Amino acid sequence: MNNLQNLPDASQSLKNTLEEEWAFTKSICPFVIGGEAEAGKRFSALASGLLSSIADFLENGVDEFYTKGNESEEETVCKENGHDKEGERDMKEVKTTSSHAINNAELETNPDDTALDKSTDDEAYHKDKVLKLRHRIQQTFRDSKNLFREGRERTSKALGFAKMLRNDLELAASYKMNVSKVEIISKLEEMKHVLVSVPLSLSYLIFIPERILKNQKLILQLLNVTCGKEDCYSHTDPTHDQDINRGYLLMLQCDNDVNKQSWKGSTVHVDATAQTAIALSHIAVDSLMLVVTHSSVLYAIQEEFSKLMDTTVEVFQEQISCHQAISESLAELKATAMHLRQNISSTLLQLKEKLYFVEINKMDTKERNHLLGLYCVTIIKGYNFGFEYHRELQRLVSDEQKIELGKCMISFAREWMNFISEKWEKGRGRRPTWANQGLEFLVSVCDPKIMELLPESEISVFISEIKSCLDHIVGRSSTVRSPTSGSATSPDVYGYTRFPSVEESRPSAGSSDSLSTLAAKDRHSRSAHILQSINNLENKRNKKLQKSHIIGYITNKTSDLDLRIRVRRVNFRWQRGIKIGEGTFGKVYTAVNVDTGELMAMKEMKLKPTNKMRNPLKELVEEMNNLEGISHPNLVKYYGAEVQKDEMIIFMEYCDRGTIKEASKLGLPESIIRLYTREILKALCHLHENGIIHRDLKGANVFLTSDGAVKLGDFGCSVKLKSHSTIPGEISDLVGTTAYMAPEVFTRNDSEGHGRAADIWSLGCVVYEMSTGKQPWYDQHPYQIMFLVGLGNVPPIPENLSREGKEFLKHCFEMEPSRRPCTIDLLNHPFPKVSDEDMNL
């Protein structure tokens, strides 16, 4: 593992290594006495060391930039000194030669020519020096971006593994008792709990719910549990599989007043094995602890137990480990993760200072703005890395550390806002894409649980800072714009006017001010005279055309357009629930069919009335009608569409397990990728057979359900074809998500168009996303993606895929759509072929 960390691209080598080793270790630990606890400690220490190595990687990267910068400066100084000495030597030679020639009355050299040659040499040397300086600065910016990218990949894999360890090892919750222990025992007896008697001397009492009393295997598993492991009885005993999600173990600390004799309820005797005895001896109970078999059922059982006990107890720690040694190892792991957060923040502060080269201000305006633009983009990349790490760290740390993390998130958000306000030009009336991650981070920081950490006096200050930052980022659109103005070019990237040059910062003399003012007035009066002449000519021409009845007159009367939307209702009663998401086109809520009680998803889309509003609305409703008649196990069901005043409501099937994009954030094993690919292909095949092209196939539009089904949904961009024959140029509209679009969508829309083959390219992009955890071209701007794909570039084939997987992606990424296989051909490919047993997993 240490050797892998020393590689420059260690994140690629650590793809699934840790997860595979942990899964293998868990499978053999039940057969080793004390193996589960030892494995938990060792892997926690391994994850902690992994995070520490990332901190060292970032520090070494910053030091390397600093060393390279000093070496380049020393080299430049040496060259400058050498150049000056050479010039002095040349001048001495000229003087000696001139003196000798004068003495001999044979002077033939012209002094003016010598001075001209010297000036030309200095100018060429200066240009070469600026060019080398620019290349050095640009290379440093590229290296910094690579440092952030590699750091992001490493932390993503390491935190993913750490969260996996926490879910497998922290299987308990601790409670704070509001009444005496005697009253707690009476309450447990009242709530039908059973005392577990083991032939061991323990400092705590063990209880189980009466409903699992007959399931001896589950009781033994609960007694022996120190990490979540696959249950060997679940495939043979159906009752065990049902009880495992409802069973739990309670451990109550004993003292002189509370012992087994004070218990008046039922008791069950369990013979403890050597392994069980070892596991129980390492458990430390301070008050009351609840233990389950897997973390996935912990919160549900917590809520159930809290309702049973009413106000007698309250949750103190939501998720902890019941094993003392594992608990200490996980605490060290979380502390290391918090320390890495501090390293990331300090690394970013150092690079903000070191990457702001003083030499930039000495360059001309164009060069300076270009380099300062690269500087700002580089620092924003670093902040995006920090945003992602903070969000993922929230899911790892414990309750007491979340308070510290919340304060750190507020501080990090303020650093970002200060940087934007100081270094970035004010917006021009729209939300820029580069600020998306930062604004999302601000939303997460504004969570009430985090905001309550601030004193009341600081909350209003922080809110005003956010408002000021938002006003600076979005800004206001200018009322007058010149079509030839340089400001029209990519304000998101190159709008950096907050860095004055040396010349601009110097005060000019009063005489030069007056001359420049007179010159400006003269230019303005000449421009106004030209515009006035053009307007007069246009007016004469318009009057002549109006007399000839070729053009009409402009009137102040407005036409009364009927922009009302005809109300359309679905044929069932419904009730809206809670909000579960929000996208570009509207908000998504849960909804209940009142007639059947079925849970649905409901998307609300606002309709802005315009003169051309009716036809698009009619087409959208017709598309929904087409989808209502299509039914397939791998397609999200559409129940209907309803139009109300200024909004349209679409009712569809509710998928409760999120999307493939969320599930594959850390990459998926190839067996799961094969399974999901097969299901998506079935859905696509059914759509194409019914003459429908999806046109927006991506991981965020493939949904998962609790019963393991994969469903393709979100048909907002789909189109119904008139012909059932597959041809390349069936449609010519540019819709969809840029990163998943086929090349013909960019290059042939105006002429030939594209067809069903575009969905096959998007399918390959989804497979790439499931394998790598990222969408194709994740680090590129949409316009850059269009340029890359349009020139014939394809997403790189992931190295962790098998030979069949790589071959499958090569078929999907065929540049020529006519040679790209159809859905039926791909279903017959070996890669998506999985057995029925795999389908049932």
Foldseek 3Di string as FASTA:
>chain_A
DVVLLPDLQSLQVVQCVLVVVLQVQLVCQVVDQVSVVVSLLVVLVVLLVLLVSLLVLLVVLLVVLVVVVVVVVVVVVVVVVVVVVVVVVVVVVVVVVQVVCVVVVNDDDDPVVVVVVVVVVVVVVVVVVVVVVLVSLVVSLVSLLSSLVSSLSSLLSSLVSLLVSQQFAWFKFAKDFPDDVLVVLVLCQVQAKAWEDEPDDAQKTKIKHPVCVVVLVQVLLQLLDRTAHDDPCVVPDVVCVVCQLVIKMKIAGDDPVDDPVSHDHHYDYDYDDPSSVVRRVQFDHDGMMMGHNGSVSQVVNVVVVCVSSPPRIDTDWSIATRGPSSRVSLVSSLVSLVVSLVSLVVSLVSCLVVSPDPCLLVDDPVSSLVSLLSSVLSSLSSLLSSLVSLVSSCSRDIDVVVQVSLVVLLVSLLVVLVCCVQWAAFAAAAADPSCVSSVVSVVVSPPPVSLVSDPPVCSVVSVVSVVVSVCRRRPHHDPDDDPPDPCVPPSVRRVGPNRHHPVRPDDDDPVVVVVVVVVVVVVVVVVVVVVVVVVVVVVVVVVVCVVVVNDHDDDPDDDDDDQWDDWDDAPFDKDWDAWDAADDFFTKTWMAGPVPRAIKIKTKGFADGDPPRPPVVVQQQVVLVLQQVDDDQAAWHWRHWTDDTGIIMTITHDADPAWLLVVQQSADDLLVLLQLLLSVLVVLVSQLQQQKAQQADARNQWGAHPQGHIHGDDSSPMDHFPDSDWDFQRAQDQDYDLLQFALCNLVVSVPRHGTNLRVLSSSLQRSVCNGHSAGFPNVDDSVVSNVCNNVPDHGDQSPPDDPLNSVSSCLSNDNDSVSRDHSVVSSPRPSNDDDPVSNND
